Structures are given as C-alpha cells and as structure tokens.
Amino acid sequence: MRVMGVDPGLTRCGIALVESGSGRAVTALDVDVVRTPSDMDLAERLLAVHKAAEHWLDTHRPDVVAIERVFAQNQVSTAMGTAQAGGVIALAAAQRGVPVRFHTPSEVKAAVTGSGRADKQQVTSMVTRILGMQTKPKPADAADALALAICHCWRGPMQERMAEVEARAKEQRAKYEERVAKARAAQTRPAPNQGGVVSR
C-alpha cells in the first residue's frame, strides 16, 4: 500500500510518501515541505498548496491519503488555516478518486512512539529509526507527514475492516427494524370482513 501522509499547514505543509511491505516494514519514497509566505493572499496560498498536492497525487499515485485531523488550538486563526490547507488537499484527492483518511495527532504519536503524548522530538527520532534514515527529516512538518503515513500503514487496514464490520452491522440493524415495523403494522391492521351480517 502506498500512502501519502500530509501534515497540513499554510506556512509549512509537510507531504510524504511511504510504502508498506510485509509485516510492519515501511519504506519512505519521498518527502517535502510546501511553503507559502504569510503576506500572500489566502486564496493564492491555498492554490499553491492545492497545486502541490495535485503534483504529488499525479506523480506518485498513492492508494490513500492520510491527513492529520485538525483540532481547535489556542490560536483559532492558525487552526483555521491548517484546516483549510487540509481541505484543499482532500479535495485534490477526491477529484482523483483517491480515498482520504484522517488521523488525530495522539493517534499518530501512539502508533509511532507508543505514547499519545510524545513530543515532536520523540516522533522525529522514531520516524528516523522506523524508516532506517541516515539523518532526521527536517523540519518537523516533514517528520510529521512521514509519521502520518506510517500510522496509516499500520492502523489503516484494521480501521478499514472495523468500518466495514460497523457498516454491515448498521445495514443488518436497519433491515431488522424494517421487518419489525412491518410486523407491527400487520398486527394493527383491521381484519377483513368475513361475510357475516353487519349490524345497523
């Protein structure tokens, strides 16, 4: 499975490509950071991120795109910009029929380091070790993008299977409720006249 990991952002947007092998083996294929200046118009910044995502998608053709799920931070403007950057990347993937999955920061940290509270340095160190890289990926956005891709390689298949089970259970539940509703409706329906004398 070839996964494109994205650590969304306007000033720096980390993008990485990782391929999973047998077991927990993963290989880094490419990594980069898309930068846009803060004095650039917002629409132009989003366009630059979108174009970069399109280039990655068309060049590498990933099987899935894993994006960090954005939560409200102390600086609302930063969170909004991050969410907007993630949105245009998800749009580029959807336009090409590539599935998009979102992972929380704690999910990624737990998958890579074993602790959902790990700091950026610990994440970077573990990413470097897992991928067998000679040097640590810099800046942190690049390491985070690689961590997202690794997280999906390891957790994605299980999550997909769980989602399929939940979907089947929901479908079965809907069918069961439909049968129950029909049975109740049949019980409350008045019995047909059997041809007896009708009293006036």
N, C-alpha and C. Protein backbone atom coordinates (compact mmCIF):
# COMPACT_ATOMS: atom_id res chain seq x y z
N MET A 1 0.84 -1.18 0.00
CA MET A 1 0.00 0.00 0.00
C MET A 1 0.89 1.24 0.00
N ARG A 2 0.54 2.17 -0.87
CA ARG A 2 1.30 3.42 -0.97
C ARG A 2 0.48 4.54 -0.34
N VAL A 3 1.01 5.15 0.72
CA VAL A 3 0.27 6.15 1.48
C VAL A 3 0.95 7.52 1.38
N MET A 4 0.13 8.53 1.07
CA MET A 4 0.61 9.91 1.07
C MET A 4 0.19 10.55 2.38
N GLY A 5 1.16 10.86 3.23
CA GLY A 5 0.87 11.47 4.52
C GLY A 5 0.96 12.98 4.41
N VAL A 6 0.04 13.67 5.06
CA VAL A 6 0.00 15.14 4.97
C VAL A 6 -0.13 15.75 6.37
N ASP A 7 0.83 16.61 6.71
CA ASP A 7 0.74 17.43 7.91
C ASP A 7 0.34 18.82 7.43
N PRO A 8 -0.97 19.13 7.41
CA PRO A 8 -1.46 20.34 6.76
C PRO A 8 -1.02 21.63 7.45
N GLY A 9 -0.87 22.65 6.64
CA GLY A 9 -0.50 23.97 7.16
C GLY A 9 -0.36 24.93 6.00
N LEU A 10 -0.48 26.21 6.28
CA LEU A 10 -0.32 27.22 5.23
C LEU A 10 1.13 27.67 5.11
N THR A 11 1.75 27.98 6.22
CA THR A 11 3.15 28.41 6.18
C THR A 11 4.05 27.26 5.77
N ARG A 12 3.83 26.09 6.39
CA ARG A 12 4.58 24.88 6.03
C ARG A 12 3.60 23.71 5.99
N CYS A 13 3.58 23.01 4.90
CA CYS A 13 2.70 21.83 4.74
C CYS A 13 3.58 20.63 4.40
N GLY A 14 3.69 19.71 5.34
CA GLY A 14 4.51 18.53 5.10
C GLY A 14 3.77 17.48 4.28
N ILE A 15 4.45 16.95 3.28
CA ILE A 15 3.87 15.91 2.44
C ILE A 15 4.90 14.79 2.29
N ALA A 16 4.47 13.56 2.49
CA ALA A 16 5.39 12.43 2.40
C ALA A 16 4.72 11.24 1.73
N LEU A 17 5.53 10.36 1.18
CA LEU A 17 5.02 9.15 0.56
C LEU A 17 5.75 7.96 1.16
N VAL A 18 4.98 7.02 1.67
CA VAL A 18 5.53 5.82 2.31
C VAL A 18 4.85 4.59 1.72
N GLU A 19 5.61 3.53 1.54
CA GLU A 19 5.05 2.28 1.02
C GLU A 19 5.21 1.19 2.06
N SER A 20 4.13 0.46 2.32
CA SER A 20 4.19 -0.62 3.31
C SER A 20 4.60 -1.91 2.65
N GLY A 21 5.33 -2.73 3.42
CA GLY A 21 5.75 -4.03 2.92
C GLY A 21 5.14 -5.12 3.78
N SER A 22 5.84 -6.23 3.91
CA SER A 22 5.33 -7.32 4.73
C SER A 22 5.47 -6.96 6.20
N GLY A 23 4.50 -7.41 6.99
CA GLY A 23 4.54 -7.10 8.42
C GLY A 23 4.43 -5.61 8.66
N ARG A 24 5.36 -5.09 9.46
CA ARG A 24 5.36 -3.67 9.77
C ARG A 24 6.43 -2.91 9.00
N ALA A 25 6.97 -3.53 7.97
CA ALA A 25 8.01 -2.89 7.18
C ALA A 25 7.44 -1.72 6.37
N VAL A 26 8.08 -0.58 6.44
CA VAL A 26 7.67 0.60 5.68
C VAL A 26 8.90 1.26 5.07
N THR A 27 8.72 1.83 3.89
CA THR A 27 9.81 2.47 3.18
C THR A 27 9.40 3.88 2.78
N ALA A 28 10.26 4.85 3.07
CA ALA A 28 10.00 6.23 2.67
C ALA A 28 10.39 6.39 1.20
N LEU A 29 9.48 6.88 0.39
CA LEU A 29 9.74 7.08 -1.03
C LEU A 29 10.05 8.54 -1.36
N ASP A 30 9.42 9.46 -0.64
CA ASP A 30 9.64 10.88 -0.92
C ASP A 30 9.09 11.70 0.24
N VAL A 31 9.64 12.87 0.44
CA VAL A 31 9.13 13.78 1.47
C VAL A 31 9.51 15.20 1.10
N ASP A 32 8.63 16.14 1.40
CA ASP A 32 8.88 17.54 1.08
C ASP A 32 8.01 18.42 1.96
N VAL A 33 8.31 19.70 1.97
CA VAL A 33 7.51 20.68 2.71
C VAL A 33 7.15 21.80 1.75
N VAL A 34 5.86 22.05 1.60
CA VAL A 34 5.37 23.13 0.76
C VAL A 34 5.27 24.38 1.62
N ARG A 35 5.90 25.46 1.19
CA ARG A 35 5.90 26.70 1.95
C ARG A 35 5.19 27.81 1.18
N THR A 36 4.42 28.63 1.92
CA THR A 36 3.81 29.82 1.34
C THR A 36 4.05 30.99 2.28
N PRO A 37 4.40 32.15 1.77
CA PRO A 37 4.67 33.32 2.64
C PRO A 37 3.39 33.84 3.28
N SER A 38 3.52 34.32 4.51
CA SER A 38 2.35 34.79 5.27
C SER A 38 1.74 36.05 4.68
N ASP A 39 2.51 36.81 3.90
CA ASP A 39 1.97 38.04 3.32
C ASP A 39 1.24 37.78 1.99
N MET A 40 1.19 36.53 1.55
CA MET A 40 0.49 36.19 0.31
C MET A 40 -1.01 36.11 0.59
N ASP A 41 -1.80 36.45 -0.40
CA ASP A 41 -3.25 36.37 -0.27
C ASP A 41 -3.66 34.94 0.07
N LEU A 42 -4.65 34.79 0.96
CA LEU A 42 -5.07 33.46 1.42
C LEU A 42 -5.45 32.55 0.26
N ALA A 43 -6.22 33.07 -0.68
CA ALA A 43 -6.64 32.25 -1.82
C ALA A 43 -5.44 31.75 -2.62
N GLU A 44 -4.42 32.60 -2.77
CA GLU A 44 -3.22 32.20 -3.50
C GLU A 44 -2.42 31.16 -2.73
N ARG A 45 -2.40 31.28 -1.42
CA ARG A 45 -1.70 30.29 -0.60
C ARG A 45 -2.37 28.92 -0.71
N LEU A 46 -3.69 28.93 -0.65
CA LEU A 46 -4.43 27.67 -0.78
C LEU A 46 -4.26 27.07 -2.16
N LEU A 47 -4.20 27.92 -3.17
CA LEU A 47 -3.99 27.44 -4.54
C LEU A 47 -2.62 26.78 -4.66
N ALA A 48 -1.61 27.37 -4.03
CA ALA A 48 -0.26 26.80 -4.08
C ALA A 48 -0.22 25.42 -3.42
N VAL A 49 -0.89 25.30 -2.28
CA VAL A 49 -0.95 24.01 -1.58
C VAL A 49 -1.71 22.99 -2.43
N HIS A 50 -2.81 23.43 -3.03
CA HIS A 50 -3.62 22.55 -3.88
C HIS A 50 -2.81 22.06 -5.08
N LYS A 51 -2.07 22.95 -5.71
CA LYS A 51 -1.26 22.56 -6.88
C LYS A 51 -0.17 21.57 -6.49
N ALA A 52 0.44 21.80 -5.32
CA ALA A 52 1.47 20.87 -4.85
C ALA A 52 0.87 19.49 -4.61
N ALA A 53 -0.32 19.46 -4.01
CA ALA A 53 -0.99 18.19 -3.76
C ALA A 53 -1.32 17.48 -5.07
N GLU A 54 -1.80 18.24 -6.05
CA GLU A 54 -2.11 17.66 -7.36
C GLU A 54 -0.87 17.05 -7.99
N HIS A 55 0.26 17.76 -7.88
CA HIS A 55 1.52 17.25 -8.45
C HIS A 55 1.91 15.93 -7.78
N TRP A 56 1.81 15.87 -6.46
CA TRP A 56 2.15 14.64 -5.73
C TRP A 56 1.21 13.50 -6.10
N LEU A 57 -0.06 13.80 -6.17
CA LEU A 57 -1.05 12.76 -6.49
C LEU A 57 -0.84 12.22 -7.90
N ASP A 58 -0.58 13.10 -8.85
CA ASP A 58 -0.41 12.68 -10.24
C ASP A 58 0.94 11.99 -10.46
N THR A 59 1.95 12.38 -9.70
CA THR A 59 3.28 11.80 -9.86
C THR A 59 3.40 10.44 -9.17
N HIS A 60 2.94 10.38 -7.93
CA HIS A 60 3.13 9.17 -7.11
C HIS A 60 1.95 8.21 -7.10
N ARG A 61 0.76 8.70 -7.43
CA ARG A 61 -0.44 7.88 -7.47
C ARG A 61 -0.60 7.01 -6.21
N PRO A 62 -0.77 7.64 -5.05
CA PRO A 62 -0.94 6.87 -3.81
C PRO A 62 -2.27 6.13 -3.78
N ASP A 63 -2.32 5.10 -2.96
CA ASP A 63 -3.56 4.33 -2.78
C ASP A 63 -4.51 5.04 -1.83
N VAL A 64 -3.94 5.84 -0.94
CA VAL A 64 -4.75 6.55 0.05
C VAL A 64 -3.98 7.77 0.54
N VAL A 65 -4.71 8.79 0.97
CA VAL A 65 -4.09 9.99 1.53
C VAL A 65 -4.47 10.07 3.01
N ALA A 66 -3.48 10.17 3.88
CA ALA A 66 -3.71 10.28 5.32
C ALA A 66 -3.39 11.70 5.77
N ILE A 67 -4.40 12.39 6.32
CA ILE A 67 -4.26 13.79 6.72
C ILE A 67 -4.49 13.91 8.22
N GLU A 68 -3.71 14.78 8.85
CA GLU A 68 -3.91 14.98 10.29
C GLU A 68 -5.23 15.69 10.54
N ARG A 69 -6.00 15.17 11.45
CA ARG A 69 -7.27 15.80 11.82
C ARG A 69 -6.99 17.02 12.69
N VAL A 70 -7.56 18.14 12.32
CA VAL A 70 -7.29 19.40 13.00
C VAL A 70 -8.24 19.62 14.16
N PHE A 71 -7.67 20.01 15.31
CA PHE A 71 -8.48 20.36 16.47
C PHE A 71 -8.30 21.84 16.76
N ALA A 72 -9.26 22.44 17.45
CA ALA A 72 -9.16 23.85 17.81
C ALA A 72 -7.95 24.04 18.73
N GLN A 73 -7.16 25.04 18.41
CA GLN A 73 -5.98 25.33 19.20
C GLN A 73 -6.17 26.67 19.90
N ASN A 74 -5.15 27.12 20.62
CA ASN A 74 -5.24 28.41 21.29
C ASN A 74 -5.40 29.54 20.27
N GLN A 75 -4.70 29.41 19.15
CA GLN A 75 -4.82 30.40 18.08
C GLN A 75 -5.81 29.88 17.05
N VAL A 76 -7.01 30.44 17.07
CA VAL A 76 -8.07 29.97 16.18
C VAL A 76 -7.69 30.19 14.72
N SER A 77 -7.03 31.30 14.42
CA SER A 77 -6.64 31.59 13.03
C SER A 77 -5.70 30.54 12.48
N THR A 78 -4.79 30.05 13.35
CA THR A 78 -3.85 29.01 12.92
C THR A 78 -4.59 27.72 12.63
N ALA A 79 -5.53 27.36 13.50
CA ALA A 79 -6.31 26.15 13.30
C ALA A 79 -7.13 26.24 12.02
N MET A 80 -7.69 27.41 11.76
CA MET A 80 -8.49 27.59 10.54
C MET A 80 -7.64 27.44 9.30
N GLY A 81 -6.46 28.04 9.30
CA GLY A 81 -5.57 27.92 8.15
C GLY A 81 -5.13 26.48 7.91
N THR A 82 -4.86 25.77 9.02
CA THR A 82 -4.47 24.36 8.92
C THR A 82 -5.60 23.53 8.33
N ALA A 83 -6.81 23.78 8.82
CA ALA A 83 -7.98 23.05 8.32
C ALA A 83 -8.23 23.35 6.84
N GLN A 84 -8.05 24.60 6.45
CA GLN A 84 -8.25 24.97 5.05
C GLN A 84 -7.23 24.28 4.14
N ALA A 85 -5.98 24.22 4.60
CA ALA A 85 -4.94 23.55 3.81
C ALA A 85 -5.25 22.07 3.67
N GLY A 86 -5.68 21.45 4.78
CA GLY A 86 -6.06 20.03 4.71
C GLY A 86 -7.25 19.82 3.80
N GLY A 87 -8.15 20.78 3.78
CA GLY A 87 -9.35 20.67 2.94
C GLY A 87 -9.04 20.68 1.45
N VAL A 88 -8.13 21.56 1.02
CA VAL A 88 -7.83 21.61 -0.41
C VAL A 88 -7.07 20.37 -0.86
N ILE A 89 -6.29 19.78 0.06
CA ILE A 89 -5.58 18.54 -0.28
C ILE A 89 -6.57 17.38 -0.37
N ALA A 90 -7.52 17.34 0.56
CA ALA A 90 -8.57 16.32 0.50
C ALA A 90 -9.37 16.46 -0.79
N LEU A 91 -9.63 17.70 -1.19
CA LEU A 91 -10.36 17.96 -2.44
C LEU A 91 -9.60 17.42 -3.63
N ALA A 92 -8.29 17.69 -3.69
CA ALA A 92 -7.47 17.21 -4.81
C ALA A 92 -7.50 15.69 -4.89
N ALA A 93 -7.46 15.03 -3.73
CA ALA A 93 -7.51 13.56 -3.69
C ALA A 93 -8.87 13.06 -4.15
N ALA A 94 -9.94 13.69 -3.65
CA ALA A 94 -11.29 13.26 -4.01
C ALA A 94 -11.55 13.43 -5.50
N GLN A 95 -11.00 14.47 -6.09
CA GLN A 95 -11.16 14.70 -7.53
C GLN A 95 -10.54 13.58 -8.36
N ARG A 96 -9.61 12.86 -7.76
CA ARG A 96 -8.93 11.77 -8.46
C ARG A 96 -9.40 10.40 -7.97
N GLY A 97 -10.40 10.40 -7.12
CA GLY A 97 -10.93 9.14 -6.61
C GLY A 97 -10.04 8.44 -5.62
N VAL A 98 -9.12 9.19 -4.99
CA VAL A 98 -8.22 8.60 -4.01
C VAL A 98 -8.85 8.75 -2.62
N PRO A 99 -9.00 7.65 -1.87
CA PRO A 99 -9.60 7.73 -0.53
C PRO A 99 -8.79 8.63 0.40
N VAL A 100 -9.48 9.35 1.27
CA VAL A 100 -8.84 10.23 2.25
C VAL A 100 -9.21 9.75 3.64
N ARG A 101 -8.22 9.61 4.49
CA ARG A 101 -8.47 9.19 5.88
C ARG A 101 -7.81 10.21 6.81
N PHE A 102 -8.45 10.44 7.95
CA PHE A 102 -7.95 11.42 8.90
C PHE A 102 -7.52 10.72 10.19
N HIS A 103 -6.40 11.17 10.74
CA HIS A 103 -5.88 10.62 11.99
C HIS A 103 -5.58 11.76 12.96
N THR A 104 -5.93 11.56 14.22
CA THR A 104 -5.67 12.58 15.23
C THR A 104 -4.18 12.58 15.58
N PRO A 105 -3.66 13.71 16.08
CA PRO A 105 -2.26 13.76 16.48
C PRO A 105 -1.89 12.69 17.51
N SER A 106 -2.76 12.48 18.49
CA SER A 106 -2.46 11.47 19.52
C SER A 106 -2.45 10.07 18.93
N GLU A 107 -3.29 9.84 17.94
CA GLU A 107 -3.33 8.54 17.24
C GLU A 107 -2.00 8.29 16.55
N VAL A 108 -1.50 9.31 15.88
CA VAL A 108 -0.24 9.19 15.14
C VAL A 108 0.92 8.97 16.11
N LYS A 109 0.95 9.76 17.17
CA LYS A 109 2.03 9.63 18.16
C LYS A 109 2.03 8.24 18.79
N ALA A 110 0.84 7.75 19.12
CA ALA A 110 0.74 6.42 19.75
C ALA A 110 1.21 5.33 18.80
N ALA A 111 0.87 5.47 17.52
CA ALA A 111 1.25 4.46 16.54
C ALA A 111 2.76 4.41 16.35
N VAL A 112 3.38 5.58 16.33
CA VAL A 112 4.81 5.67 16.01
C VAL A 112 5.70 5.49 17.24
N THR A 113 5.30 6.07 18.37
CA THR A 113 6.17 6.04 19.56
C THR A 113 5.64 5.15 20.67
N GLY A 114 4.35 4.81 20.62
CA GLY A 114 3.76 4.03 21.70
C GLY A 114 3.11 4.89 22.76
N SER A 115 3.25 6.21 22.63
CA SER A 115 2.64 7.14 23.59
C SER A 115 1.93 8.25 22.83
N GLY A 116 0.66 8.48 23.19
CA GLY A 116 -0.10 9.54 22.55
C GLY A 116 0.30 10.93 22.99
N ARG A 117 1.23 11.00 23.97
CA ARG A 117 1.68 12.30 24.48
C ARG A 117 3.12 12.61 24.10
N ALA A 118 3.68 11.87 23.17
CA ALA A 118 5.07 12.08 22.77
C ALA A 118 5.25 13.48 22.18
N ASP A 119 6.44 14.04 22.36
CA ASP A 119 6.71 15.36 21.78
C ASP A 119 7.26 15.20 20.36
N LYS A 120 7.45 16.33 19.69
CA LYS A 120 7.88 16.29 18.29
C LYS A 120 9.26 15.65 18.12
N GLN A 121 10.14 15.87 19.08
CA GLN A 121 11.48 15.28 19.01
C GLN A 121 11.41 13.76 19.07
N GLN A 122 10.57 13.24 19.95
CA GLN A 122 10.41 11.79 20.06
C GLN A 122 9.82 11.21 18.79
N VAL A 123 8.84 11.91 18.21
CA VAL A 123 8.23 11.45 16.96
C VAL A 123 9.27 11.41 15.85
N THR A 124 10.05 12.48 15.75
CA THR A 124 11.09 12.55 14.71
C THR A 124 12.11 11.44 14.86
N SER A 125 12.53 11.19 16.09
CA SER A 125 13.53 10.13 16.35
C SER A 125 12.99 8.76 15.97
N MET A 126 11.74 8.48 16.31
CA MET A 126 11.16 7.18 15.99
C MET A 126 10.92 7.03 14.49
N VAL A 127 10.49 8.09 13.84
CA VAL A 127 10.30 8.04 12.38
C VAL A 127 11.63 7.73 11.70
N THR A 128 12.70 8.37 12.16
CA THR A 128 14.03 8.14 11.60
C THR A 128 14.44 6.69 11.77
N ARG A 129 14.16 6.13 12.96
CA ARG A 129 14.54 4.74 13.25
C ARG A 129 13.68 3.76 12.44
N ILE A 130 12.37 3.99 12.42
CA ILE A 130 11.45 3.08 11.72
C ILE A 130 11.78 2.99 10.23
N LEU A 131 12.10 4.15 9.64
CA LEU A 131 12.36 4.19 8.20
C LEU A 131 13.82 3.92 7.85
N GLY A 132 14.67 3.76 8.88
CA GLY A 132 16.08 3.49 8.64
C GLY A 132 16.80 4.62 7.92
N MET A 133 16.42 5.85 8.25
CA MET A 133 17.01 7.02 7.59
C MET A 133 18.35 7.37 8.25
N GLN A 134 19.27 7.88 7.44
CA GLN A 134 20.60 8.24 7.95
C GLN A 134 20.55 9.53 8.75
N THR A 135 19.69 10.46 8.33
CA THR A 135 19.55 11.72 9.03
C THR A 135 18.08 11.97 9.37
N LYS A 136 17.85 12.76 10.40
CA LYS A 136 16.48 13.06 10.80
C LYS A 136 15.82 13.99 9.78
N PRO A 137 14.58 13.69 9.43
CA PRO A 137 13.87 14.56 8.49
C PRO A 137 13.58 15.92 9.11
N LYS A 138 13.87 16.97 8.38
CA LYS A 138 13.63 18.33 8.85
C LYS A 138 12.91 19.12 7.76
N PRO A 139 12.08 20.10 8.18
CA PRO A 139 11.69 20.46 9.53
C PRO A 139 10.73 19.42 10.12
N ALA A 140 10.16 19.75 11.27
CA ALA A 140 9.26 18.82 11.96
C ALA A 140 8.05 18.47 11.11
N ASP A 141 7.64 19.38 10.23
CA ASP A 141 6.47 19.12 9.38
C ASP A 141 6.71 17.91 8.47
N ALA A 142 7.96 17.75 8.01
CA ALA A 142 8.31 16.61 7.17
C ALA A 142 8.23 15.32 7.96
N ALA A 143 8.76 15.36 9.18
CA ALA A 143 8.70 14.17 10.05
C ALA A 143 7.26 13.82 10.40
N ASP A 144 6.44 14.83 10.64
CA ASP A 144 5.03 14.59 10.97
C ASP A 144 4.28 13.96 9.80
N ALA A 145 4.60 14.41 8.58
CA ALA A 145 3.95 13.84 7.39
C ALA A 145 4.33 12.37 7.24
N LEU A 146 5.60 12.06 7.49
CA LEU A 146 6.05 10.67 7.43
C LEU A 146 5.37 9.84 8.52
N ALA A 147 5.24 10.44 9.71
CA ALA A 147 4.58 9.74 10.82
C ALA A 147 3.12 9.43 10.49
N LEU A 148 2.44 10.36 9.84
CA LEU A 148 1.05 10.14 9.44
C LEU A 148 0.94 8.98 8.46
N ALA A 149 1.86 8.94 7.50
CA ALA A 149 1.85 7.85 6.52
C ALA A 149 2.12 6.51 7.19
N ILE A 150 3.09 6.49 8.11
CA ILE A 150 3.41 5.26 8.84
C ILE A 150 2.20 4.81 9.66
N CYS A 151 1.58 5.77 10.34
CA CYS A 151 0.40 5.46 11.16
C CYS A 151 -0.67 4.78 10.33
N HIS A 152 -0.93 5.30 9.13
CA HIS A 152 -1.98 4.69 8.33
C HIS A 152 -1.56 3.32 7.80
N CYS A 153 -0.29 3.17 7.47
CA CYS A 153 0.19 1.84 7.02
C CYS A 153 -0.07 0.80 8.09
N TRP A 154 0.11 1.16 9.35
CA TRP A 154 0.00 0.21 10.45
C TRP A 154 -1.43 0.08 10.97
N ARG A 155 -2.18 1.17 10.98
CA ARG A 155 -3.51 1.15 11.57
C ARG A 155 -4.64 1.19 10.55
N GLY A 156 -4.35 1.70 9.38
CA GLY A 156 -5.38 1.87 8.37
C GLY A 156 -6.14 0.61 8.01
N PRO A 157 -5.44 -0.48 7.66
CA PRO A 157 -6.15 -1.72 7.28
C PRO A 157 -7.11 -2.21 8.36
N MET A 158 -6.69 -2.16 9.62
CA MET A 158 -7.56 -2.58 10.73
C MET A 158 -8.76 -1.66 10.85
N GLN A 159 -8.53 -0.35 10.70
CA GLN A 159 -9.63 0.61 10.78
C GLN A 159 -10.62 0.40 9.64
N GLU A 160 -10.10 0.06 8.46
CA GLU A 160 -10.97 -0.18 7.31
C GLU A 160 -11.85 -1.41 7.57
N ARG A 161 -11.24 -2.46 8.13
CA ARG A 161 -12.01 -3.67 8.43
C ARG A 161 -13.07 -3.39 9.49
N MET A 162 -12.72 -2.60 10.50
CA MET A 162 -13.68 -2.26 11.55
C MET A 162 -14.83 -1.44 10.97
N ALA A 163 -14.49 -0.53 10.04
CA ALA A 163 -15.53 0.30 9.41
C ALA A 163 -16.47 -0.57 8.59
N GLU A 164 -15.91 -1.58 7.91
CA GLU A 164 -16.75 -2.48 7.11
C GLU A 164 -17.69 -3.28 8.02
N VAL A 165 -17.16 -3.76 9.15
CA VAL A 165 -17.99 -4.51 10.10
C VAL A 165 -19.10 -3.62 10.64
N GLU A 166 -18.76 -2.39 10.99
CA GLU A 166 -19.77 -1.46 11.51
C GLU A 166 -20.84 -1.16 10.46
N ALA A 167 -20.40 -1.01 9.20
CA ALA A 167 -21.35 -0.73 8.13
C ALA A 167 -22.31 -1.90 7.92
N ARG A 168 -21.76 -3.13 7.98
CA ARG A 168 -22.61 -4.31 7.82
C ARG A 168 -23.59 -4.43 8.99
N ALA A 169 -23.10 -4.16 10.20
CA ALA A 169 -23.96 -4.23 11.38
C ALA A 169 -25.08 -3.19 11.28
N LYS A 170 -24.75 -2.01 10.79
CA LYS A 170 -25.75 -0.95 10.64
C LYS A 170 -26.79 -1.35 9.60
N GLU A 171 -26.32 -1.99 8.53
CA GLU A 171 -27.24 -2.44 7.48
C GLU A 171 -28.18 -3.53 8.00
N GLN A 172 -27.62 -4.48 8.75
CA GLN A 172 -28.44 -5.55 9.34
C GLN A 172 -29.45 -4.99 10.34
N ARG A 173 -29.01 -4.01 11.11
CA ARG A 173 -29.90 -3.38 12.07
C ARG A 173 -31.07 -2.68 11.37
N ALA A 174 -30.77 -2.01 10.27
CA ALA A 174 -31.82 -1.31 9.51
C ALA A 174 -32.83 -2.30 8.94
N LYS A 175 -32.32 -3.44 8.43
CA LYS A 175 -33.22 -4.47 7.89
C LYS A 175 -34.09 -5.06 8.98
N TYR A 176 -33.49 -5.29 10.15
CA TYR A 176 -34.24 -5.85 11.29
C TYR A 176 -35.35 -4.88 11.72
N GLU A 177 -35.03 -3.61 11.83
CA GLU A 177 -36.01 -2.62 12.25
C GLU A 177 -37.13 -2.50 11.21
N GLU A 178 -36.78 -2.67 9.95
CA GLU A 178 -37.80 -2.62 8.89
C GLU A 178 -38.76 -3.80 9.01
N ARG A 179 -38.22 -5.00 9.31
CA ARG A 179 -39.07 -6.19 9.48
C ARG A 179 -39.99 -6.03 10.69
N VAL A 180 -39.45 -5.50 11.78
CA VAL A 180 -40.24 -5.29 12.99
C VAL A 180 -41.37 -4.30 12.72
N ALA A 181 -41.05 -3.22 12.00
CA ALA A 181 -42.06 -2.21 11.69
C ALA A 181 -43.18 -2.80 10.84
N LYS A 182 -42.83 -3.65 9.88
CA LYS A 182 -43.84 -4.29 9.03
C LYS A 182 -44.71 -5.25 9.84
N ALA A 183 -44.08 -5.99 10.75
CA ALA A 183 -44.83 -6.94 11.59
C ALA A 183 -45.81 -6.20 12.49
N ARG A 184 -45.38 -5.08 13.06
CA ARG A 184 -46.28 -4.30 13.92
C ARG A 184 -47.43 -3.70 13.13
N ALA A 185 -47.12 -3.25 11.92
CA ALA A 185 -48.16 -2.67 11.07
C ALA A 185 -49.21 -3.72 10.72
N ALA A 186 -48.76 -4.98 10.48
CA ALA A 186 -49.69 -6.06 10.13
C ALA A 186 -50.58 -6.40 11.31
N GLN A 187 -50.06 -6.30 12.53
CA GLN A 187 -50.84 -6.62 13.72
C GLN A 187 -51.93 -5.58 14.00
N THR A 188 -51.64 -4.33 13.70
CA THR A 188 -52.61 -3.26 13.99
C THR A 188 -53.62 -3.05 12.86
N ARG A 189 -53.39 -3.69 11.72
CA ARG A 189 -54.30 -3.54 10.60
C ARG A 189 -55.60 -4.27 10.91
N PRO A 190 -56.82 -3.66 10.69
CA PRO A 190 -58.10 -4.33 11.00
C PRO A 190 -58.31 -5.56 10.12
N ALA A 191 -58.91 -6.62 10.72
CA ALA A 191 -59.15 -7.85 9.98
C ALA A 191 -60.21 -7.63 8.91
N PRO A 192 -60.09 -8.26 7.75
CA PRO A 192 -61.07 -8.09 6.68
C PRO A 192 -62.42 -8.70 7.07
N ASN A 193 -63.53 -8.16 6.55
CA ASN A 193 -64.89 -8.64 6.82
C ASN A 193 -65.04 -10.05 6.24
N GLN A 194 -65.48 -10.99 7.09
CA GLN A 194 -65.59 -12.39 6.65
C GLN A 194 -66.96 -12.74 6.04
N GLY A 195 -67.78 -11.75 5.72
CA GLY A 195 -69.07 -12.03 5.07
C GLY A 195 -70.21 -12.19 6.04
N GLY A 196 -70.02 -11.89 7.33
CA GLY A 196 -71.08 -12.00 8.31
C GLY A 196 -72.10 -10.89 8.18
N VAL A 197 -73.19 -10.99 8.99
CA VAL A 197 -74.23 -9.96 8.95
C VAL A 197 -73.72 -8.72 9.64
N VAL A 198 -73.87 -7.61 8.96
CA VAL A 198 -73.40 -6.33 9.53
C VAL A 198 -74.55 -5.71 10.26
N SER A 199 -74.40 -5.43 11.54
CA SER A 199 -75.46 -4.82 12.34
C SER A 199 -75.60 -3.35 11.98
N ARG A 200 -76.85 -2.87 11.99
CA ARG A 200 -77.09 -1.47 11.66
C ARG A 200 -77.40 -0.69 12.93
